[in-house]
Amino acid sequence: DITDPVSINSLYLKSNLIALGGAIANVALEIDIAPHFSINIPLYYSAWDYFRQTVKFRTFALQPELRYWISGENEGLFGGVHLGIAYYNIALDGKYRYQDHKRKTPSIGGGLCIGYRFPLSVNKLWNLEFTLGGGVYHSYYDKFNNTSRTSDGLLVGSKKNTYVGIDQASVSICYKIES
């Protein structure tokens, strides 16, 4: 019964350990809205260079997702559909740096995912979650010469591109807040 209140009382606070390993701060909130359904809202933010100015993965990204859980208890295996938006400034110590066009055109798209969550503690308050997703994103970005002084990095050109591939990979530690 979709109106059963059993699963509606759960809220999860989460962080993606893979993103943290890349020095990308992140937090996600997930709320069970009904048996078999939840909404997950992750937020990612990185504003720094990695040891030098020619290596960076600066981003502000949001990827809300509707999940369907096989179990009516909203644990175990799930599938989801998500939307995504990301502003970015990326340089991997190569010749070029890539940034959303004029800092006003984020990548926008969405996709599907599959995942699994299981408890780490007997009381099921601490959980571990694995998620892998793929999607399609449209990007309009500027390409700059990658120099140690960003102001010296001349604009090489602008390009529109459609990306199809993995857009989500997470190993998240989750804390369940019960009301």
Protein backbone atom coordinates (compact mmCIF):
# COMPACT_ATOMS: atom_id res chain seq x y z
CA ASP A 1 0.00 0.00 0.00
CA ILE A 2 1.59 3.29 -1.12
CA THR A 3 0.00 5.19 1.78
CA ASP A 4 1.67 2.96 4.40
CA PRO A 5 3.56 5.39 6.68
CA VAL A 6 6.25 2.85 7.66
CA SER A 7 8.83 4.02 5.10
CA ILE A 8 7.92 7.69 5.02
CA ASN A 9 9.70 8.48 8.29
CA SER A 10 13.27 7.85 7.13
CA LEU A 11 15.77 10.52 6.17
CA TYR A 12 19.37 9.75 5.20
CA LEU A 13 22.38 12.06 5.37
CA LYS A 14 25.10 10.80 3.03
CA SER A 15 28.51 11.51 1.55
CA ASN A 16 30.17 9.96 -1.51
CA LEU A 17 33.57 8.59 -0.48
CA ILE A 18 34.84 8.50 -4.09
CA ALA A 19 34.22 12.25 -4.49
CA LEU A 20 35.79 12.94 -1.09
CA GLY A 21 38.86 11.03 -2.29
CA GLY A 22 39.07 13.52 -5.17
CA ALA A 23 38.78 16.46 -2.73
CA ILE A 24 35.23 17.24 -3.86
CA ALA A 25 33.05 18.23 -0.92
CA ASN A 26 29.64 16.61 -1.12
CA VAL A 27 26.52 15.88 0.83
CA ALA A 28 23.27 14.17 -0.07
CA LEU A 29 19.87 14.04 1.55
CA GLU A 30 17.52 11.19 0.81
CA ILE A 31 13.97 10.95 2.04
CA ASP A 32 11.65 7.98 1.79
CA ILE A 33 8.40 9.27 0.31
CA ALA A 34 6.52 5.95 0.17
CA PRO A 35 7.19 2.23 0.31
CA HIS A 36 9.40 1.49 -2.71
CA PHE A 37 10.12 5.20 -3.43
CA SER A 38 12.61 7.80 -2.25
CA ILE A 39 14.10 11.06 -3.47
CA ASN A 40 17.87 11.53 -3.32
CA ILE A 41 19.40 15.01 -3.68
CA PRO A 42 23.24 15.10 -3.85
CA LEU A 43 25.25 18.31 -4.04
CA TYR A 44 28.93 18.45 -5.07
CA TYR A 45 31.30 21.40 -4.71
CA SER A 46 34.99 21.93 -5.38
CA ALA A 47 36.67 25.33 -5.72
CA TRP A 48 40.36 24.56 -5.48
CA ASP A 49 43.36 23.58 -7.52
CA TYR A 50 45.21 20.30 -6.91
CA PHE A 51 48.72 21.34 -5.78
CA ARG A 52 49.21 23.68 -8.78
CA GLN A 53 47.03 25.94 -10.93
CA THR A 54 47.26 23.76 -14.03
CA VAL A 55 45.45 20.87 -12.31
CA LYS A 56 41.89 21.46 -11.12
CA PHE A 57 38.45 19.95 -11.05
CA ARG A 58 36.28 22.83 -9.92
CA THR A 59 32.58 22.09 -9.91
CA PHE A 60 29.19 22.90 -8.51
CA ALA A 61 26.81 20.07 -9.37
CA LEU A 62 23.35 18.93 -8.38
CA GLN A 63 21.82 15.58 -9.40
CA PRO A 64 18.31 14.98 -7.95
CA GLU A 65 17.04 11.44 -8.35
CA LEU A 66 13.82 9.46 -7.91
CA ARG A 67 14.53 5.91 -6.72
CA TYR A 68 12.45 2.76 -6.87
CA TRP A 69 13.38 0.16 -4.24
CA ILE A 70 12.67 -3.53 -4.86
CA SER A 71 12.02 -3.94 -1.13
CA GLY A 72 9.08 -2.09 0.40
CA GLU A 73 11.45 -1.25 3.28
CA ASN A 74 13.51 0.94 0.91
CA GLU A 75 16.74 -0.98 1.40
CA GLY A 76 18.76 -3.39 -0.74
CA LEU A 77 18.54 -3.09 -4.53
CA PHE A 78 17.17 0.03 -6.27
CA GLY A 79 16.95 1.67 -9.66
CA GLY A 80 16.60 5.36 -10.30
CA VAL A 81 16.11 8.16 -12.77
CA HIS A 82 17.98 11.44 -12.32
CA LEU A 83 18.51 14.90 -13.73
CA GLY A 84 21.82 16.71 -13.53
CA ILE A 85 23.29 20.18 -13.79
CA ALA A 86 26.98 21.02 -13.37
CA TYR A 87 29.09 24.15 -13.63
CA TYR A 88 32.77 23.29 -14.11
CA ASN A 89 36.35 24.43 -14.70
CA ILE A 90 38.63 21.46 -15.46
CA ALA A 91 42.34 21.23 -16.19
CA LEU A 92 44.37 18.02 -16.02
CA ASP A 93 47.88 19.50 -16.42
CA GLY A 94 47.61 19.27 -20.20
CA LYS A 95 47.70 21.98 -22.83
CA TYR A 96 44.06 23.09 -22.31
CA ARG A 97 41.57 24.02 -19.61
CA TYR A 98 37.79 23.56 -20.10
CA GLN A 99 35.07 25.68 -18.56
CA ASP A 100 31.32 26.05 -19.03
CA HIS A 101 30.76 28.76 -21.69
CA LYS A 102 31.16 32.24 -20.18
CA ARG A 103 30.47 30.63 -16.77
CA LYS A 104 26.77 30.68 -17.68
CA THR A 105 26.07 27.40 -19.50
CA PRO A 106 26.30 24.38 -17.22
CA SER A 107 26.15 20.83 -18.51
CA ILE A 108 22.54 19.68 -18.33
CA GLY A 109 21.17 16.19 -18.74
CA GLY A 110 20.02 13.09 -16.95
CA GLY A 111 20.04 9.34 -16.87
CA LEU A 112 19.40 6.06 -15.09
CA CYS A 113 21.17 4.31 -12.25
CA ILE A 114 21.23 1.09 -10.27
CA GLY A 115 22.45 0.64 -6.73
CA TYR A 116 22.45 -1.29 -3.51
CA ARG A 117 22.39 -0.17 0.13
CA PHE A 118 23.04 -2.37 3.16
CA PRO A 119 23.34 -1.73 6.90
CA LEU A 120 26.73 -1.46 8.61
CA SER A 121 25.32 -1.41 12.14
CA VAL A 122 22.88 -3.70 13.96
CA ASN A 123 20.42 -0.82 14.50
CA LYS A 124 20.58 -0.02 10.73
CA LEU A 125 21.44 3.65 11.38
CA TRP A 126 24.78 3.42 9.52
CA ASN A 127 24.66 2.11 5.94
CA LEU A 128 26.92 1.70 2.92
CA GLU A 129 25.57 2.39 -0.57
CA PHE A 130 26.95 1.62 -4.03
CA THR A 131 25.54 3.38 -7.10
CA LEU A 132 26.45 3.37 -10.79
CA GLY A 133 24.61 5.41 -13.40
CA GLY A 134 24.78 6.49 -16.99
CA GLY A 135 23.30 9.44 -18.78
CA VAL A 136 23.27 11.96 -21.59
CA TYR A 137 24.46 15.56 -21.06
CA HIS A 138 24.63 18.57 -23.33
CA SER A 139 27.62 20.87 -22.79
CA TYR A 140 28.60 24.22 -24.26
CA TYR A 141 32.11 25.03 -23.08
CA ASP A 142 35.10 27.26 -23.65
CA LYS A 143 38.59 25.89 -24.24
CA PHE A 144 41.52 27.92 -22.87
CA ASN A 145 45.29 27.53 -22.92
CA ASN A 146 46.17 25.94 -19.56
CA THR A 147 48.75 28.16 -17.86
CA SER A 148 49.85 28.60 -14.27
CA ARG A 149 48.30 32.09 -14.37
CA THR A 150 44.66 31.67 -15.33
CA SER A 151 44.51 35.27 -16.59
CA ASP A 152 47.17 34.36 -19.21
CA GLY A 153 45.14 31.41 -20.54
CA LEU A 154 43.83 32.72 -23.84
CA LEU A 155 40.52 31.49 -25.20
CA VAL A 156 41.17 28.93 -27.96
CA GLY A 157 37.54 28.36 -28.89
CA SER A 158 34.07 27.29 -27.83
CA LYS A 159 32.36 24.01 -28.53
CA LYS A 160 29.01 22.29 -28.06
CA ASN A 161 29.13 18.62 -27.20
CA THR A 162 26.83 15.78 -26.15
CA TYR A 163 28.27 13.32 -23.65
CA VAL A 164 26.86 9.80 -23.34
CA GLY A 165 28.34 7.60 -20.62
CA ILE A 166 28.86 7.11 -16.91
CA ASP A 167 27.57 10.10 -14.97
CA GLN A 168 27.36 8.63 -11.50
CA ALA A 169 29.68 6.43 -9.46
CA SER A 170 29.44 6.45 -5.71
CA VAL A 171 30.32 4.54 -2.61
CA SER A 172 28.44 6.46 0.07
CA ILE A 173 28.41 6.29 3.82
CA CYS A 174 24.85 6.92 5.00
CA TYR A 175 23.39 7.85 8.35
CA LYS A 176 19.67 7.21 8.86
CA ILE A 177 17.76 9.84 10.83
CA GLU A 178 14.47 8.46 12.09
CA SER A 179 11.61 10.70 13.12
